[in-house]
Protein backbone atom coordinates (compact mmCIF):
# COMPACT_ATOMS: atom_id res chain seq x y z
CA UNK A 1 -23.28 -43.51 3.91
CA UNK A 2 -22.25 -46.49 1.85
CA UNK A 3 -22.40 -49.00 4.69
CA UNK A 4 -23.69 -49.03 8.25
CA UNK A 5 -21.42 -47.14 10.59
CA UNK A 6 -20.40 -48.35 14.00
CA UNK A 7 -22.46 -46.51 16.57
CA UNK A 8 -20.08 -45.14 19.16
CA UNK A 9 -21.33 -42.46 21.54
CA UNK A 10 -18.72 -39.73 21.91
CA UNK A 11 -18.94 -39.71 25.69
CA UNK A 12 -18.53 -43.15 27.24
CA UNK A 13 -20.00 -42.16 30.61
CA UNK A 14 -23.17 -40.91 28.93
CA UNK A 15 -26.22 -42.67 30.47
CA UNK A 16 -27.68 -43.02 26.95
CA UNK A 17 -24.81 -45.36 26.09
CA UNK A 18 -26.54 -48.07 28.10
CA UNK A 19 -29.65 -48.09 25.88
CA UNK A 20 -29.85 -51.46 24.21
CA UNK A 21 -33.09 -50.90 22.27
CA UNK A 22 -33.13 -49.70 18.68
CA UNK A 23 -33.78 -45.97 18.16
CA UNK A 24 -35.50 -44.19 15.26
CA UNK A 25 -34.38 -40.57 14.86
CA UNK A 26 -36.96 -38.49 12.95
CA UNK A 27 -37.66 -34.87 12.02
CA UNK A 28 -40.01 -33.83 14.82
CA UNK A 29 -41.41 -30.91 12.82
CA UNK A 30 -42.22 -32.87 9.65
CA UNK A 31 -45.86 -33.91 9.31
CA UNK A 32 -44.95 -36.93 7.15
CA UNK A 33 -42.27 -38.05 9.63
CA UNK A 34 -44.72 -37.72 12.52
CA UNK A 35 -47.18 -39.84 10.56
CA UNK A 36 -44.50 -42.51 10.27
CA UNK A 37 -43.91 -42.32 14.03
CA UNK A 38 -47.68 -42.67 14.66
CA UNK A 39 -47.66 -45.79 12.48
CA UNK A 40 -44.58 -47.13 14.25
CA UNK A 41 -46.28 -46.69 17.64
CA UNK A 42 -49.27 -48.70 16.39
CA UNK A 43 -47.34 -51.57 14.80
CA UNK A 44 -44.83 -51.82 17.68
CA UNK A 45 -47.14 -51.57 20.70
CA UNK A 46 -44.71 -53.36 23.04
CA UNK A 47 -42.13 -50.61 22.55
CA UNK A 48 -39.30 -52.53 20.95
CA UNK A 49 -38.14 -49.39 19.13
CA UNK A 50 -37.46 -46.08 20.90
CA UNK A 51 -38.04 -42.74 19.19
CA UNK A 52 -36.06 -39.49 19.27
CA UNK A 53 -36.48 -36.24 17.33
CA UNK A 54 -33.54 -35.01 15.26
CA UNK A 55 -33.97 -31.69 17.08
CA UNK A 56 -33.44 -33.29 20.52
CA UNK A 57 -30.54 -33.89 22.87
CA UNK A 58 -30.32 -37.61 22.12
CA UNK A 59 -29.74 -36.89 18.42
CA UNK A 60 -27.11 -34.26 19.28
CA UNK A 61 -25.26 -36.81 21.41
CA UNK A 62 -25.47 -39.80 19.10
CA UNK A 63 -25.65 -38.61 15.51
CA UNK A 64 -23.06 -36.93 13.32
CA UNK A 65 -23.70 -33.19 12.96
CA UNK A 66 -26.81 -32.59 10.87
CA UNK A 67 -26.67 -30.36 7.79
CA UNK A 68 -27.88 -26.79 8.30
CA UNK A 69 -30.31 -27.23 5.40
CA UNK A 70 -33.16 -29.33 6.83
CA UNK A 71 -34.02 -30.55 3.34
CA UNK A 72 -30.81 -32.61 3.54
CA UNK A 73 -31.85 -34.31 6.80
CA UNK A 74 -32.58 -38.02 6.87
CA UNK A 75 -34.26 -40.54 9.08
CA UNK A 76 -31.66 -42.41 11.12
CA UNK A 77 -31.97 -45.80 12.74
CA UNK A 78 -29.62 -47.19 15.35
CA UNK A 79 -29.71 -50.92 16.03
CA UNK A 80 -27.16 -53.38 17.37
CA UNK A 81 -24.25 -50.97 17.14
CA UNK A 82 -24.96 -49.76 13.60
CA UNK A 83 -26.36 -46.49 12.34
CA UNK A 84 -28.42 -46.51 9.14
CA UNK A 85 -29.82 -43.58 7.18
CA UNK A 86 -32.14 -42.86 4.26
CA UNK A 87 -33.57 -45.94 2.55
CA UNK A 88 -31.33 -48.30 4.55
CA UNK A 89 -32.93 -46.97 7.75
CA UNK A 90 -36.41 -47.71 6.39
CA UNK A 91 -35.40 -51.23 5.32
CA UNK A 92 -33.82 -52.02 8.70
CA UNK A 93 -36.85 -50.70 10.61
CA UNK A 94 -39.13 -52.96 8.56
CA UNK A 95 -36.78 -55.87 9.17
CA UNK A 96 -36.93 -55.25 12.93
CA UNK A 97 -40.73 -54.98 12.91
CA UNK A 98 -41.02 -58.34 11.14
CA UNK A 99 -44.32 -59.85 10.08
CA UNK A 100 -46.03 -58.15 7.16
CA UNK A 101 -43.50 -55.28 7.38
CA UNK A 102 -40.77 -57.67 6.22
CA UNK A 103 -42.23 -57.36 2.72
CA UNK A 104 -40.81 -53.83 2.52
CA UNK A 105 -37.31 -55.30 2.87
CA UNK A 106 -37.63 -56.07 -0.84
CA UNK A 107 -36.92 -52.39 -1.43
CA UNK A 108 -33.33 -53.44 -0.69
CA UNK A 109 -33.25 -55.26 -4.03
CA UNK A 110 -33.25 -51.87 -5.74
CA UNK A 111 -29.68 -50.57 -5.99
CA UNK A 112 -28.99 -48.13 -3.16
CA UNK A 113 -28.13 -45.14 -5.39
CA UNK A 114 -31.55 -45.42 -7.05
CA UNK A 115 -33.57 -45.90 -3.86
CA UNK A 116 -31.66 -43.15 -2.05
CA UNK A 117 -32.26 -40.79 -4.97
CA UNK A 118 -36.01 -41.45 -4.59
CA UNK A 119 -35.70 -41.03 -0.81
CA UNK A 120 -33.88 -37.68 -1.24
CA UNK A 121 -36.52 -36.44 -3.69
CA UNK A 122 -39.25 -37.05 -1.12
CA UNK A 123 -37.14 -35.74 1.79
CA UNK A 124 -36.26 -32.49 0.00
CA UNK A 125 -39.94 -31.81 -0.67
CA UNK A 126 -41.50 -33.22 2.51
CA UNK A 127 -42.44 -29.85 4.04
CA UNK A 128 -43.99 -28.62 0.81
CA UNK A 129 -45.85 -31.87 0.15
CA UNK A 130 -46.95 -32.81 3.67
CA UNK A 131 -46.46 -29.70 5.82
CA UNK A 132 -44.40 -28.66 8.79
CA UNK A 133 -45.25 -28.26 12.45
CA UNK A 134 -44.14 -25.14 14.31
CA UNK A 135 -42.69 -27.30 17.10
CA UNK A 136 -41.68 -30.90 17.68
CA UNK A 137 -44.33 -33.44 18.54
CA UNK A 138 -45.19 -33.81 22.20
CA UNK A 139 -45.76 -37.46 23.10
CA UNK A 140 -48.89 -38.42 25.02
CA UNK A 141 -48.58 -39.79 28.55
CA UNK A 142 -48.77 -43.34 27.17
CA UNK A 143 -46.09 -42.65 24.55
CA UNK A 144 -43.60 -40.87 26.82
CA UNK A 145 -41.69 -44.02 27.79
CA UNK A 146 -40.90 -44.57 24.09
CA UNK A 147 -39.57 -41.07 23.40
CA UNK A 148 -36.05 -39.96 24.18
CA UNK A 149 -35.25 -36.27 24.71
């Protein structure tokens, strides 16, 4: 994606369409991705950002069809009507978190083709480098309000 896309749910009567909070879509079976979600839960304790696995119903409703090859999957971030992927998603999440996380916005100074190439290299090898869970993460009772199906 060259620029953020407008985020338009395909079904206007969908109850998810009323969600106004930002959403991070992540690979629920990826150990590295789950580590990022754990970090996100710690640095955003008030629950500003909601979380949804790419394997879930929310992702099926809101995201474009995912590639069959999971190595081609990306993190997605929806905020204020825009959908970001790859390195842009990471930059926008850091921007939303603010504080010390704003420093990571400097990654945006690197031309997108270069930073996305680095992102894709890590994404293609994430299962081999960090491992893969047999099933998606199950949120704890305290985390459940943050997770979308």
